[in-house]
Amino acid sequence: MSVLNEIDGDAGGRVIDSLADVSPELAHTVGAWAFGEIYARPALPPRERQLVTLGILTALGGCEAQLAVHVNASLNVGLTPEEIVEAMLHAAVYCGVPRALNATFAAKHVFAERDLLPVRQN
């Protein structure tokens, strides 16, 4: 849980708590395996793990709620809004423009909540 809290802040705990009444085992899996074992591995720092996660969720499509959580986490571990948008733009080449659009709009919502708009692009 400490890795989850470090990366996701309060959002991670809310995800775990929201599963308690319907699937405590899934909550445990997210906390213990995904964050306790995988995210805690030293070979990739949290910043790079979040870039990978953003790319995968963008490519999968239909994961906008999870994208919002991970956009917040990406900001928490030092990615800038510009880098997040660039990662989603890059993903468009491989997974298609519609999925990149959906991901970018999910990110835009998070940026607005965190008063990070407008995002400046080079």
PDB file of N, CA and C in Angstrom:
ATOM      1  N   MET A   1       0.826  -1.206   0.000  1.00  0.00           N
ATOM      2  CA  MET A   1       0.000   0.000   0.000  1.00  0.00           C
ATOM      3  C   MET A   1       0.857   1.252   0.000  1.00  0.00           C
ATOM      4  N   SER A   2       2.057   1.171   0.554  1.00  0.00           N
ATOM      5  CA  SER A   2       2.889   2.369   0.575  1.00  0.00           C
ATOM      6  C   SER A   2       3.309   2.772  -0.835  1.00  0.00           C
ATOM      7  N   VAL A   3       3.600   1.807  -1.706  1.00  0.00           N
ATOM      8  CA  VAL A   3       3.948   2.131  -3.096  1.00  0.00           C
ATOM      9  C   VAL A   3       2.729   2.706  -3.814  1.00  0.00           C
ATOM     10  N   LEU A   4       1.579   2.114  -3.608  1.00  0.00           N
ATOM     11  CA  LEU A   4       0.340   2.617  -4.204  1.00  0.00           C
ATOM     12  C   LEU A   4       0.082   4.051  -3.762  1.00  0.00           C
ATOM     13  N   ASN A   5       0.208   4.325  -2.485  1.00  0.00           N
ATOM     14  CA  ASN A   5      -0.023   5.681  -1.979  1.00  0.00           C
ATOM     15  C   ASN A   5       1.009   6.669  -2.509  1.00  0.00           C
ATOM     16  N   GLU A   6       2.250   6.224  -2.632  1.00  0.00           N
ATOM     17  CA  GLU A   6       3.305   7.097  -3.140  1.00  0.00           C
ATOM     18  C   GLU A   6       3.037   7.499  -4.594  1.00  0.00           C
ATOM     19  N   ILE A   7       2.560   6.566  -5.387  1.00  0.00           N
ATOM     20  CA  ILE A   7       2.352   6.820  -6.813  1.00  0.00           C
ATOM     21  C   ILE A   7       0.989   7.442  -7.084  1.00  0.00           C
ATOM     22  N   ASP A   8      -0.048   6.856  -6.542  1.00  0.00           N
ATOM     23  CA  ASP A   8      -1.417   7.294  -6.859  1.00  0.00           C
ATOM     24  C   ASP A   8      -1.988   8.295  -5.874  1.00  0.00           C
ATOM     25  N   GLY A   9      -1.340   8.500  -4.753  1.00  0.00           N
ATOM     26  CA  GLY A   9      -1.903   9.395  -3.759  1.00  0.00           C
ATOM     27  C   GLY A   9      -3.227   8.849  -3.244  1.00  0.00           C
ATOM     28  N   ASP A  10      -4.144   9.733  -2.970  1.00  0.00           N
ATOM     29  CA  ASP A  10      -5.456   9.329  -2.436  1.00  0.00           C
ATOM     30  C   ASP A  10      -6.264   8.505  -3.423  1.00  0.00           C
ATOM     31  N   ALA A  11      -6.044   8.699  -4.722  1.00  0.00           N
ATOM     32  CA  ALA A  11      -6.838   7.997  -5.739  1.00  0.00           C
ATOM     33  C   ALA A  11      -6.667   6.488  -5.636  1.00  0.00           C
ATOM     34  N   GLY A  12      -5.459   6.030  -5.370  1.00  0.00           N
ATOM     35  CA  GLY A  12      -5.224   4.596  -5.243  1.00  0.00           C
ATOM     36  C   GLY A  12      -5.995   3.988  -4.087  1.00  0.00           C
ATOM     37  N   GLY A  13      -5.957   4.647  -2.961  1.00  0.00           N
ATOM     38  CA  GLY A  13      -6.709   4.173  -1.808  1.00  0.00           C
ATOM     39  C   GLY A  13      -8.203   4.147  -2.062  1.00  0.00           C
ATOM     40  N   ARG A  14      -8.688   5.143  -2.812  1.00  0.00           N
ATOM     41  CA  ARG A  14     -10.123   5.170  -3.149  1.00  0.00           C
ATOM     42  C   ARG A  14     -10.499   3.990  -4.032  1.00  0.00           C
ATOM     43  N   VAL A  15      -9.627   3.614  -4.960  1.00  0.00           N
ATOM     44  CA  VAL A  15      -9.896   2.451  -5.808  1.00  0.00           C
ATOM     45  C   VAL A  15      -9.975   1.200  -4.942  1.00  0.00           C
ATOM     46  N   ILE A  16      -9.002   1.023  -4.061  1.00  0.00           N
ATOM     47  CA  ILE A  16      -8.999  -0.149  -3.171  1.00  0.00           C
ATOM     48  C   ILE A  16     -10.258  -0.160  -2.310  1.00  0.00           C
ATOM     49  N   ASP A  17     -10.582   0.971  -1.713  1.00  0.00           N
ATOM     50  CA  ASP A  17     -11.766   1.061  -0.852  1.00  0.00           C
ATOM     51  C   ASP A  17     -13.047   0.784  -1.624  1.00  0.00           C
ATOM     52  N   SER A  18     -13.119   1.240  -2.868  1.00  0.00           N
ATOM     53  CA  SER A  18     -14.354   1.056  -3.642  1.00  0.00           C
ATOM     54  C   SER A  18     -14.579  -0.398  -4.033  1.00  0.00           C
ATOM     55  N   LEU A  19     -13.548  -1.209  -3.950  1.00  0.00           N
ATOM     56  CA  LEU A  19     -13.691  -2.631  -4.267  1.00  0.00           C
ATOM     57  C   LEU A  19     -14.007  -3.491  -3.049  1.00  0.00           C
ATOM     58  N   ALA A  20     -13.881  -2.937  -1.860  1.00  0.00           N
ATOM     59  CA  ALA A  20     -13.986  -3.723  -0.629  1.00  0.00           C
ATOM     60  C   ALA A  20     -15.289  -4.497  -0.514  1.00  0.00           C
ATOM     61  N   ASP A  21     -16.398  -3.904  -0.945  1.00  0.00           N
ATOM     62  CA  ASP A  21     -17.685  -4.576  -0.774  1.00  0.00           C
ATOM     63  C   ASP A  21     -18.060  -5.490  -1.932  1.00  0.00           C
ATOM     64  N   VAL A  22     -17.382  -5.353  -3.054  1.00  0.00           N
ATOM     65  CA  VAL A  22     -17.756  -6.158  -4.208  1.00  0.00           C
ATOM     66  C   VAL A  22     -16.683  -7.190  -4.571  1.00  0.00           C
ATOM     67  N   SER A  23     -15.414  -6.850  -4.412  1.00  0.00           N
ATOM     68  CA  SER A  23     -14.344  -7.782  -4.753  1.00  0.00           C
ATOM     69  C   SER A  23     -13.092  -7.489  -3.938  1.00  0.00           C
ATOM     70  N   PRO A  24     -13.123  -7.854  -2.668  1.00  0.00           N
ATOM     71  CA  PRO A  24     -11.949  -7.599  -1.837  1.00  0.00           C
ATOM     72  C   PRO A  24     -10.693  -8.305  -2.370  1.00  0.00           C
ATOM     73  N   GLU A  25     -10.870  -9.425  -3.059  1.00  0.00           N
ATOM     74  CA  GLU A  25      -9.712 -10.122  -3.615  1.00  0.00           C
ATOM     75  C   GLU A  25      -9.057  -9.299  -4.731  1.00  0.00           C
ATOM     76  N   LEU A  26      -9.867  -8.642  -5.570  1.00  0.00           N
ATOM     77  CA  LEU A  26      -9.308  -7.778  -6.606  1.00  0.00           C
ATOM     78  C   LEU A  26      -8.597  -6.583  -5.968  1.00  0.00           C
ATOM     79  N   ALA A  27      -9.181  -6.035  -4.913  1.00  0.00           N
ATOM     80  CA  ALA A  27      -8.530  -4.940  -4.192  1.00  0.00           C
ATOM     81  C   ALA A  27      -7.172  -5.396  -3.662  1.00  0.00           C
ATOM     82  N   HIS A  28      -7.142  -6.582  -3.098  1.00  0.00           N
ATOM     83  CA  HIS A  28      -5.884  -7.134  -2.592  1.00  0.00           C
ATOM     84  C   HIS A  28      -4.877  -7.329  -3.734  1.00  0.00           C
ATOM     85  N   THR A  29      -5.345  -7.827  -4.871  1.00  0.00           N
ATOM     86  CA  THR A  29      -4.475  -8.063  -6.022  1.00  0.00           C
ATOM     87  C   THR A  29      -3.849  -6.763  -6.515  1.00  0.00           C
ATOM     88  N   VAL A  30      -4.660  -5.725  -6.601  1.00  0.00           N
ATOM     89  CA  VAL A  30      -4.146  -4.428  -7.042  1.00  0.00           C
ATOM     90  C   VAL A  30      -3.092  -3.916  -6.060  1.00  0.00           C
ATOM     91  N   GLY A  31      -3.419  -3.968  -4.776  1.00  0.00           N
ATOM     92  CA  GLY A  31      -2.488  -3.451  -3.773  1.00  0.00           C
ATOM     93  C   GLY A  31      -1.252  -4.306  -3.608  1.00  0.00           C
ATOM     94  N   ALA A  32      -1.440  -5.600  -3.460  1.00  0.00           N
ATOM     95  CA  ALA A  32      -0.314  -6.484  -3.144  1.00  0.00           C
ATOM     96  C   ALA A  32       0.514  -6.850  -4.371  1.00  0.00           C
ATOM     97  N   TRP A  33      -0.147  -7.216  -5.462  1.00  0.00           N
ATOM     98  CA  TRP A  33       0.610  -7.678  -6.625  1.00  0.00           C
ATOM     99  C   TRP A  33       1.019  -6.517  -7.532  1.00  0.00           C
ATOM    100  N   ALA A  34       0.021  -5.775  -8.029  1.00  0.00           N
ATOM    101  CA  ALA A  34       0.346  -4.728  -9.004  1.00  0.00           C
ATOM    102  C   ALA A  34       1.307  -3.698  -8.420  1.00  0.00           C
ATOM    103  N   PHE A  35       1.020  -3.229  -7.221  1.00  0.00           N
ATOM    104  CA  PHE A  35       1.868  -2.183  -6.640  1.00  0.00           C
ATOM    105  C   PHE A  35       2.910  -2.748  -5.679  1.00  0.00           C
ATOM    106  N   GLY A  36       2.534  -3.709  -4.874  1.00  0.00           N
ATOM    107  CA  GLY A  36       3.477  -4.263  -3.909  1.00  0.00           C
ATOM    108  C   GLY A  36       4.607  -5.044  -4.541  1.00  0.00           C
ATOM    109  N   GLU A  37       4.345  -5.686  -5.680  1.00  0.00           N
ATOM    110  CA  GLU A  37       5.387  -6.475  -6.335  1.00  0.00           C
ATOM    111  C   GLU A  37       5.864  -5.854  -7.644  1.00  0.00           C
ATOM    112  N   ILE A  38       4.957  -5.527  -8.545  1.00  0.00           N
ATOM    113  CA  ILE A  38       5.373  -5.067  -9.875  1.00  0.00           C
ATOM    114  C   ILE A  38       5.880  -3.626  -9.836  1.00  0.00           C
ATOM    115  N   TYR A  39       5.076  -2.690  -9.347  1.00  0.00           N
ATOM    116  CA  TYR A  39       5.509  -1.289  -9.310  1.00  0.00           C
ATOM    117  C   TYR A  39       6.723  -1.089  -8.415  1.00  0.00           C
ATOM    118  N   ALA A  40       6.909  -1.955  -7.438  1.00  0.00           N
ATOM    119  CA  ALA A  40       8.028  -1.808  -6.502  1.00  0.00           C
ATOM    120  C   ALA A  40       9.349  -2.342  -7.052  1.00  0.00           C
ATOM    121  N   ARG A  41       9.310  -2.987  -8.205  1.00  0.00           N
ATOM    122  CA  ARG A  41      10.545  -3.529  -8.775  1.00  0.00           C
ATOM    123  C   ARG A  41      11.482  -2.380  -9.161  1.00  0.00           C
ATOM    124  N   PRO A  42      12.779  -2.539  -8.945  1.00  0.00           N
ATOM    125  CA  PRO A  42      13.706  -1.425  -9.132  1.00  0.00           C
ATOM    126  C   PRO A  42      14.166  -1.163 -10.570  1.00  0.00           C
ATOM    127  N   ALA A  43      13.930  -2.071 -11.510  1.00  0.00           N
ATOM    128  CA  ALA A  43      14.507  -1.920 -12.850  1.00  0.00           C
ATOM    129  C   ALA A  43      13.939  -0.730 -13.631  1.00  0.00           C
ATOM    130  N   LEU A  44      12.709  -0.353 -13.362  1.00  0.00           N
ATOM    131  CA  LEU A  44      12.108   0.834 -13.986  1.00  0.00           C
ATOM    132  C   LEU A  44      11.627   1.760 -12.892  1.00  0.00           C
ATOM    133  N   PRO A  45      12.038   3.013 -12.922  1.00  0.00           N
ATOM    134  CA  PRO A  45      11.530   3.960 -11.932  1.00  0.00           C
ATOM    135  C   PRO A  45      10.055   4.268 -12.182  1.00  0.00           C
ATOM    136  N   PRO A  46       9.350   4.769 -11.188  1.00  0.00           N
ATOM    137  CA  PRO A  46       7.911   5.050 -11.324  1.00  0.00           C
ATOM    138  C   PRO A  46       7.563   5.916 -12.537  1.00  0.00           C
ATOM    139  N   ARG A  47       8.394   6.874 -12.848  1.00  0.00           N
ATOM    140  CA  ARG A  47       8.129   7.766 -13.985  1.00  0.00           C
ATOM    141  C   ARG A  47       8.020   6.969 -15.294  1.00  0.00           C
ATOM    142  N   GLU A  48       8.978   6.069 -15.516  1.00  0.00           N
ATOM    143  CA  GLU A  48       8.957   5.260 -16.725  1.00  0.00           C
ATOM    144  C   GLU A  48       7.826   4.239 -16.701  1.00  0.00           C
ATOM    145  N   ARG A  49       7.545   3.686 -15.533  1.00  0.00           N
ATOM    146  CA  ARG A  49       6.422   2.745 -15.436  1.00  0.00           C
ATOM    147  C   ARG A  49       5.114   3.434 -15.821  1.00  0.00           C
ATOM    148  N   GLN A  50       4.972   4.687 -15.402  1.00  0.00           N
ATOM    149  CA  GLN A  50       3.746   5.415 -15.743  1.00  0.00           C
ATOM    150  C   GLN A  50       3.661   5.683 -17.242  1.00  0.00           C
ATOM    151  N   LEU A  51       4.766   5.986 -17.900  1.00  0.00           N
ATOM    152  CA  LEU A  51       4.743   6.158 -19.355  1.00  0.00           C
ATOM    153  C   LEU A  51       4.282   4.880 -20.045  1.00  0.00           C
ATOM    154  N   VAL A  52       4.810   3.742 -19.604  1.00  0.00           N
ATOM    155  CA  VAL A  52       4.390   2.457 -20.162  1.00  0.00           C
ATOM    156  C   VAL A  52       2.894   2.251 -19.925  1.00  0.00           C
ATOM    157  N   THR A  53       2.452   2.519 -18.722  1.00  0.00           N
ATOM    158  CA  THR A  53       1.043   2.335 -18.368  1.00  0.00           C
ATOM    159  C   THR A  53       0.140   3.219 -19.219  1.00  0.00           C
ATOM    160  N   LEU A  54       0.517   4.472 -19.397  1.00  0.00           N
ATOM    161  CA  LEU A  54      -0.279   5.372 -20.239  1.00  0.00           C
ATOM    162  C   LEU A  54      -0.386   4.842 -21.663  1.00  0.00           C
ATOM    163  N   GLY A  55       0.720   4.359 -22.204  1.00  0.00           N
ATOM    164  CA  GLY A  55       0.702   3.820 -23.558  1.00  0.00           C
ATOM    165  C   GLY A  55      -0.196   2.607 -23.679  1.00  0.00           C
ATOM    166  N   ILE A  56      -0.113   1.714 -22.717  1.00  0.00           N
ATOM    167  CA  ILE A  56      -0.930   0.497 -22.756  1.00  0.00           C
ATOM    168  C   ILE A  56      -2.408   0.829 -22.610  1.00  0.00           C
ATOM    169  N   LEU A  57      -2.763   1.672 -21.642  1.00  0.00           N
ATOM    170  CA  LEU A  57      -4.171   2.022 -21.446  1.00  0.00           C
ATOM    171  C   LEU A  57      -4.728   2.770 -22.653  1.00  0.00           C
ATOM    172  N   THR A  58      -3.906   3.607 -23.269  1.00  0.00           N
ATOM    173  CA  THR A  58      -4.331   4.303 -24.484  1.00  0.00           C
ATOM    174  C   THR A  58      -4.601   3.277 -25.584  1.00  0.00           C
ATOM    175  N   ALA A  59      -3.690   2.337 -25.765  1.00  0.00           N
ATOM    176  CA  ALA A  59      -3.831   1.335 -26.818  1.00  0.00           C
ATOM    177  C   ALA A  59      -5.031   0.422 -26.585  1.00  0.00           C
ATOM    178  N   LEU A  60      -5.295   0.086 -25.340  1.00  0.00           N
ATOM    179  CA  LEU A  60      -6.427  -0.787 -25.054  1.00  0.00           C
ATOM    180  C   LEU A  60      -7.760  -0.139 -25.414  1.00  0.00           C
ATOM    181  N   GLY A  61      -7.865   1.148 -25.164  1.00  0.00           N
ATOM    182  CA  GLY A  61      -9.139   1.831 -25.383  1.00  0.00           C
ATOM    183  C   GLY A  61     -10.165   1.409 -24.346  1.00  0.00           C
ATOM    184  N   GLY A  62     -11.137   2.260 -24.110  1.00  0.00           N
ATOM    185  CA  GLY A  62     -12.182   1.945 -23.142  1.00  0.00           C
ATOM    186  C   GLY A  62     -11.722   1.956 -21.695  1.00  0.00           C
ATOM    187  N   CYS A  63     -10.564   2.511 -21.443  1.00  0.00           N
ATOM    188  CA  CYS A  63      -9.978   2.509 -20.100  1.00  0.00           C
ATOM    189  C   CYS A  63      -9.862   3.919 -19.549  1.00  0.00           C
ATOM    190  N   GLU A  64     -10.772   4.795 -19.941  1.00  0.00           N
ATOM    191  CA  GLU A  64     -10.621   6.199 -19.591  1.00  0.00           C
ATOM    192  C   GLU A  64     -10.626   6.442 -18.082  1.00  0.00           C
ATOM    193  N   ALA A  65     -11.404   5.680 -17.339  1.00  0.00           N
ATOM    194  CA  ALA A  65     -11.401   5.859 -15.879  1.00  0.00           C
ATOM    195  C   ALA A  65     -10.030   5.506 -15.310  1.00  0.00           C
ATOM    196  N   GLN A  66      -9.438   4.420 -15.790  1.00  0.00           N
ATOM    197  CA  GLN A  66      -8.105   4.042 -15.329  1.00  0.00           C
ATOM    198  C   GLN A  66      -7.061   5.023 -15.841  1.00  0.00           C
ATOM    199  N   LEU A  67      -7.253   5.535 -17.061  1.00  0.00           N
ATOM    200  CA  LEU A  67      -6.338   6.551 -17.577  1.00  0.00           C
ATOM    201  C   LEU A  67      -6.327   7.773 -16.675  1.00  0.00           C
ATOM    202  N   ALA A  68      -7.478   8.190 -16.218  1.00  0.00           N
ATOM    203  CA  ALA A  68      -7.542   9.360 -15.332  1.00  0.00           C
ATOM    204  C   ALA A  68      -6.725   9.113 -14.064  1.00  0.00           C
ATOM    205  N   VAL A  69      -6.874   7.936 -13.483  1.00  0.00           N
ATOM    206  CA  VAL A  69      -6.096   7.597 -12.283  1.00  0.00           C
ATOM    207  C   VAL A  69      -4.603   7.645 -12.604  1.00  0.00           C
ATOM    208  N   HIS A  70      -4.224   7.104 -13.761  1.00  0.00           N
ATOM    209  CA  HIS A  70      -2.802   7.024 -14.087  1.00  0.00           C
ATOM    210  C   HIS A  70      -2.236   8.334 -14.625  1.00  0.00           C
ATOM    211  N   VAL A  71      -3.074   9.200 -15.169  1.00  0.00           N
ATOM    212  CA  VAL A  71      -2.600  10.547 -15.505  1.00  0.00           C
ATOM    213  C   VAL A  71      -2.258  11.273 -14.209  1.00  0.00           C
ATOM    214  N   ASN A  72      -3.131  11.163 -13.214  1.00  0.00           N
ATOM    215  CA  ASN A  72      -2.821  11.745 -11.902  1.00  0.00           C
ATOM    216  C   ASN A  72      -1.540  11.151 -11.338  1.00  0.00           C
ATOM    217  N   ALA A  73      -1.410   9.839 -11.417  1.00  0.00           N
ATOM    218  CA  ALA A  73      -0.205   9.184 -10.903  1.00  0.00           C
ATOM    219  C   ALA A  73       1.024   9.656 -11.664  1.00  0.00           C
ATOM    220  N   SER A  74       0.888   9.827 -12.983  1.00  0.00           N
ATOM    221  CA  SER A  74       2.016  10.297 -13.788  1.00  0.00           C
ATOM    222  C   SER A  74       2.473  11.682 -13.358  1.00  0.00           C
ATOM    223  N   LEU A  75       1.517  12.535 -13.081  1.00  0.00           N
ATOM    224  CA  LEU A  75       1.856  13.867 -12.573  1.00  0.00           C
ATOM    225  C   LEU A  75       2.527  13.759 -11.203  1.00  0.00           C
ATOM    226  N   ASN A  76       2.039  12.839 -10.377  1.00  0.00           N
ATOM    227  CA  ASN A  76       2.599  12.652  -9.035  1.00  0.00           C
ATOM    228  C   ASN A  76       4.054  12.205  -9.067  1.00  0.00           C
ATOM    229  N   VAL A  77       4.441  11.449 -10.109  1.00  0.00           N
ATOM    230  CA  VAL A  77       5.812  10.927 -10.162  1.00  0.00           C
ATOM    231  C   VAL A  77       6.716  11.757 -11.069  1.00  0.00           C
ATOM    232  N   GLY A  78       6.235  12.937 -11.481  1.00  0.00           N
ATOM    233  CA  GLY A  78       7.120  13.873 -12.160  1.00  0.00           C
ATOM    234  C   GLY A  78       6.944  14.062 -13.649  1.00  0.00           C
ATOM    235  N   LEU A  79       6.025  13.338 -14.279  1.00  0.00           N
ATOM    236  CA  LEU A  79       5.766  13.616 -15.692  1.00  0.00           C
ATOM    237  C   LEU A  79       5.044  14.948 -15.804  1.00  0.00           C
ATOM    238  N   THR A  80       5.321  15.667 -16.857  1.00  0.00           N
ATOM    239  CA  THR A  80       4.637  16.936 -17.091  1.00  0.00           C
ATOM    240  C   THR A  80       3.422  16.697 -17.970  1.00  0.00           C
ATOM    241  N   PRO A  81       2.465  17.621 -17.952  1.00  0.00           N
ATOM    242  CA  PRO A  81       1.337  17.492 -18.872  1.00  0.00           C
ATOM    243  C   PRO A  81       1.796  17.369 -20.329  1.00  0.00           C
ATOM    244  N   GLU A  82       2.826  18.116 -20.697  1.00  0.00           N
ATOM    245  CA  GLU A  82       3.340  18.047 -22.069  1.00  0.00           C
ATOM    246  C   GLU A  82       3.840  16.642 -22.404  1.00  0.00           C
ATOM    247  N   GLU A  83       4.540  16.015 -21.476  1.00  0.00           N
ATOM    248  CA  GLU A  83       5.041  14.659 -21.711  1.00  0.00           C
ATOM    249  C   GLU A  83       3.905  13.655 -21.801  1.00  0.00           C
ATOM    250  N   ILE A  84       2.888  13.826 -20.986  1.00  0.00           N
ATOM    251  CA  ILE A  84       1.733  12.929 -21.011  1.00  0.00           C
ATOM    252  C   ILE A  84       1.013  13.040 -22.353  1.00  0.00           C
ATOM    253  N   VAL A  85       0.765  14.259 -22.798  1.00  0.00           N
ATOM    254  CA  VAL A  85       0.099  14.477 -24.086  1.00  0.00           C
ATOM    255  C   VAL A  85       0.953  13.917 -25.223  1.00  0.00           C
ATOM    256  N   GLU A  86       2.263  14.130 -25.148  1.00  0.00           N
ATOM    257  CA  GLU A  86       3.164  13.618 -26.182  1.00  0.00           C
ATOM    258  C   GLU A  86       3.129  12.093 -26.235  1.00  0.00           C
ATOM    259  N   ALA A  87       3.078  11.432 -25.086  1.00  0.00           N
ATOM    260  CA  ALA A  87       2.994   9.969 -25.054  1.00  0.00           C
ATOM    261  C   ALA A  87       1.714   9.487 -25.725  1.00  0.00           C
ATOM    262  N   MET A  88       0.625  10.197 -25.503  1.00  0.00           N
ATOM    263  CA  MET A  88      -0.650   9.811 -26.112  1.00  0.00           C
ATOM    264  C   MET A  88      -0.654  10.091 -27.616  1.00  0.00           C
ATOM    265  N   LEU A  89      -0.027  11.177 -28.011  1.00  0.00           N
ATOM    266  CA  LEU A  89       0.126  11.468 -29.434  1.00  0.00           C
ATOM    267  C   LEU A  89       0.965  10.377 -30.101  1.00  0.00           C
ATOM    268  N   HIS A  90       2.049   9.995 -29.469  1.00  0.00           N
ATOM    269  CA  HIS A  90       2.905   8.930 -29.991  1.00  0.00           C
ATOM    270  C   HIS A  90       2.119   7.619 -30.108  1.00  0.00           C
ATOM    271  N   ALA A  91       1.284   7.329 -29.141  1.00  0.00           N
ATOM    272  CA  ALA A  91       0.492   6.099 -29.167  1.00  0.00           C
ATOM    273  C   ALA A  91      -0.465   6.069 -30.356  1.00  0.00           C
ATOM    274  N   ALA A  92      -0.900   7.229 -30.828  1.00  0.00           N
ATOM    275  CA  ALA A  92      -1.827   7.282 -31.965  1.00  0.00           C
ATOM    276  C   ALA A  92      -1.255   6.581 -33.191  1.00  0.00           C
ATOM    277  N   VAL A  93       0.056   6.641 -33.361  1.00  0.00           N
ATOM    278  CA  VAL A  93       0.706   5.996 -34.502  1.00  0.00           C
ATOM    279  C   VAL A  93       0.485   4.485 -34.456  1.00  0.00           C
ATOM    280  N   TYR A  94       0.461   3.921 -33.265  1.00  0.00           N
ATOM    281  CA  TYR A  94       0.415   2.475 -33.106  1.00  0.00           C
ATOM    282  C   TYR A  94      -0.968   1.915 -32.799  1.00  0.00           C
ATOM    283  N   CYS A  95      -1.834   2.705 -32.185  1.00  0.00           N
ATOM    284  CA  CYS A  95      -3.133   2.166 -31.779  1.00  0.00           C
ATOM    285  C   CYS A  95      -4.306   2.911 -32.385  1.00  0.00           C
ATOM    286  N   GLY A  96      -4.050   4.002 -33.091  1.00  0.00           N
ATOM    287  CA  GLY A  96      -5.115   4.713 -33.772  1.00  0.00           C
ATOM    288  C   GLY A  96      -5.481   6.028 -33.106  1.00  0.00           C
ATOM    289  N   VAL A  97      -5.959   6.923 -33.961  1.00  0.00           N
ATOM    290  CA  VAL A  97      -6.331   8.266 -33.509  1.00  0.00           C
ATOM    291  C   VAL A  97      -7.528   8.247 -32.559  1.00  0.00           C
ATOM    292  N   PRO A  98      -8.578   7.454 -32.801  1.00  0.00           N
ATOM    293  CA  PRO A  98      -9.707   7.489 -31.862  1.00  0.00           C
ATOM    294  C   PRO A  98      -9.310   7.142 -30.427  1.00  0.00           C
ATOM    295  N   ARG A  99      -8.467   6.152 -30.248  1.00  0.00           N
ATOM    296  CA  ARG A  99      -8.043   5.791 -28.885  1.00  0.00           C
ATOM    297  C   ARG A  99      -7.165   6.883 -28.280  1.00  0.00           C
ATOM    298  N   ALA A 100      -6.308   7.474 -29.097  1.00  0.00           N
ATOM    299  CA  ALA A 100      -5.473   8.569 -28.597  1.00  0.00           C
ATOM    300  C   ALA A 100      -6.330   9.780 -28.234  1.00  0.00           C
ATOM    301  N   LEU A 101      -7.365  10.036 -29.019  1.00  0.00           N
ATOM    302  CA  LEU A 101      -8.289  11.130 -28.683  1.00  0.00           C
ATOM    303  C   LEU A 101      -8.957  10.885 -27.337  1.00  0.00           C
ATOM    304  N   ASN A 102      -9.491   9.692 -27.142  1.00  0.00           N
ATOM    305  CA  ASN A 102     -10.167   9.379 -25.874  1.00  0.00           C
ATOM    306  C   ASN A 102      -9.205   9.515 -24.699  1.00  0.00           C
ATOM    307  N   ALA A 103      -7.992   9.036 -24.877  1.00  0.00           N
ATOM    308  CA  ALA A 103      -6.992   9.143 -23.811  1.00  0.00           C
ATOM    309  C   ALA A 103      -6.647  10.601 -23.527  1.00  0.00           C
ATOM    310  N   THR A 104      -6.487  11.387 -24.577  1.00  0.00           N
ATOM    311  CA  THR A 104      -6.130  12.788 -24.407  1.00  0.00           C
ATOM    312  C   THR A 104      -7.244  13.566 -23.728  1.00  0.00           C
ATOM    313  N   PHE A 105      -8.481  13.253 -24.057  1.00  0.00           N
ATOM    314  CA  PHE A 105      -9.595  13.926 -23.377  1.00  0.00           C
ATOM    315  C   PHE A 105      -9.670  13.521 -21.902  1.00  0.00           C
ATOM    316  N   ALA A 106      -9.348  12.267 -21.581  1.00  0.00           N
ATOM    317  CA  ALA A 106      -9.288  11.860 -20.173  1.00  0.00           C
ATOM    318  C   ALA A 106      -8.189  12.642 -19.460  1.00  0.00           C
ATOM    319  N   ALA A 107      -7.042  12.798 -20.126  1.00  0.00           N
ATOM    320  CA  ALA A 107      -5.940  13.569 -19.537  1.00  0.00           C
ATOM    321  C   ALA A 107      -6.337  15.032 -19.372  1.00  0.00           C
ATOM    322  N   LYS A 108      -7.005  15.578 -20.369  1.00  0.00           N
ATOM    323  CA  LYS A 108      -7.420  16.980 -20.297  1.00  0.00           C
ATOM    324  C   LYS A 108      -8.323  17.221 -19.087  1.00  0.00           C
ATOM    325  N   HIS A 109      -9.202  16.278 -18.813  1.00  0.00           N
ATOM    326  CA  HIS A 109     -10.084  16.388 -17.645  1.00  0.00           C
ATOM    327  C   HIS A 109      -9.257  16.447 -16.353  1.00  0.00           C
ATOM    328  N   VAL A 110      -8.256  15.589 -16.249  1.00  0.00           N
ATOM    329  CA  VAL A 110      -7.381  15.593 -15.067  1.00  0.00           C
ATOM    330  C   VAL A 110      -6.606  16.899 -14.985  1.00  0.00           C
ATOM    331  N   PHE A 111      -6.074  17.350 -16.119  1.00  0.00           N
ATOM    332  CA  PHE A 111      -5.330  18.616 -16.123  1.00  0.00           C
ATOM    333  C   PHE A 111      -6.221  19.758 -15.651  1.00  0.00           C
ATOM    334  N   ALA A 112      -7.473  19.777 -16.097  1.00  0.00           N
ATOM    335  CA  ALA A 112      -8.406  20.830 -15.676  1.00  0.00           C
ATOM    336  C   ALA A 112      -8.645  20.762 -14.168  1.00  0.00           C
ATOM    337  N   GLU A 113      -8.835  19.548 -13.641  1.00  0.00           N
ATOM    338  CA  GLU A 113      -9.043  19.389 -12.194  1.00  0.00           C
ATOM    339  C   GLU A 113      -7.846  19.883 -11.394  1.00  0.00           C
ATOM    340  N   ARG A 114      -6.665  19.751 -11.954  1.00  0.00           N
ATOM    341  CA  ARG A 114      -5.439  20.137 -11.248  1.00  0.00           C
ATOM    342  C   ARG A 114      -4.942  21.522 -11.671  1.00  0.00           C
ATOM    343  N   ASP A 115      -5.788  22.236 -12.387  1.00  0.00           N
ATOM    344  CA  ASP A 115      -5.488  23.606 -12.848  1.00  0.00           C
ATOM    345  C   ASP A 115      -4.186  23.655 -13.643  1.00  0.00           C
ATOM    346  N   LEU A 116      -4.058  22.736 -14.597  1.00  0.00           N
ATOM    347  CA  LEU A 116      -2.853  22.632 -15.419  1.00  0.00           C
ATOM    348  C   LEU A 116      -3.114  22.953 -16.891  1.00  0.00           C
ATOM    349  N   LEU A 117      -4.259  23.531 -17.185  1.00  0.00           N
ATOM    350  CA  LEU A 117      -4.559  23.934 -18.563  1.00  0.00           C
ATOM    351  C   LEU A 117      -4.259  25.412 -18.720  1.00  0.00           C
ATOM    352  N   PRO A 118      -3.858  25.859 -19.876  1.00  0.00           N
ATOM    353  CA  PRO A 118      -3.614  25.071 -21.085  1.00  0.00           C
ATOM    354  C   PRO A 118      -2.252  24.376 -21.033  1.00  0.00           C
ATOM    355  N   VAL A 119      -2.164  23.268 -21.769  1.00  0.00           N
ATOM    356  CA  VAL A 119      -0.917  22.550 -21.899  1.00  0.00           C
ATOM    357  C   VAL A 119      -0.165  23.162 -23.067  1.00  0.00           C
ATOM    358  N   ARG A 120       1.045  23.520 -22.853  1.00  0.00           N
ATOM    359  CA  ARG A 120       1.889  24.111 -23.901  1.00  0.00           C
ATOM    360  C   ARG A 120       2.660  23.024 -24.609  1.00  0.00           C
ATOM    361  N   GLN A 121       2.602  23.017 -25.915  1.00  0.00           N
ATOM    362  CA  GLN A 121       3.359  22.069 -26.730  1.00  0.00           C
ATOM    363  C   GLN A 121       4.477  22.794 -27.452  1.00  0.00           C
ATOM    364  N   ASN A 122       5.583  22.111 -27.624  1.00  0.00           N
ATOM    365  CA  ASN A 122       6.705  22.654 -28.401  1.00  0.00           C
ATOM    366  C   ASN A 122       6.488  22.391 -29.866  1.00  0.00           C
TER     367      ASN A 122
END
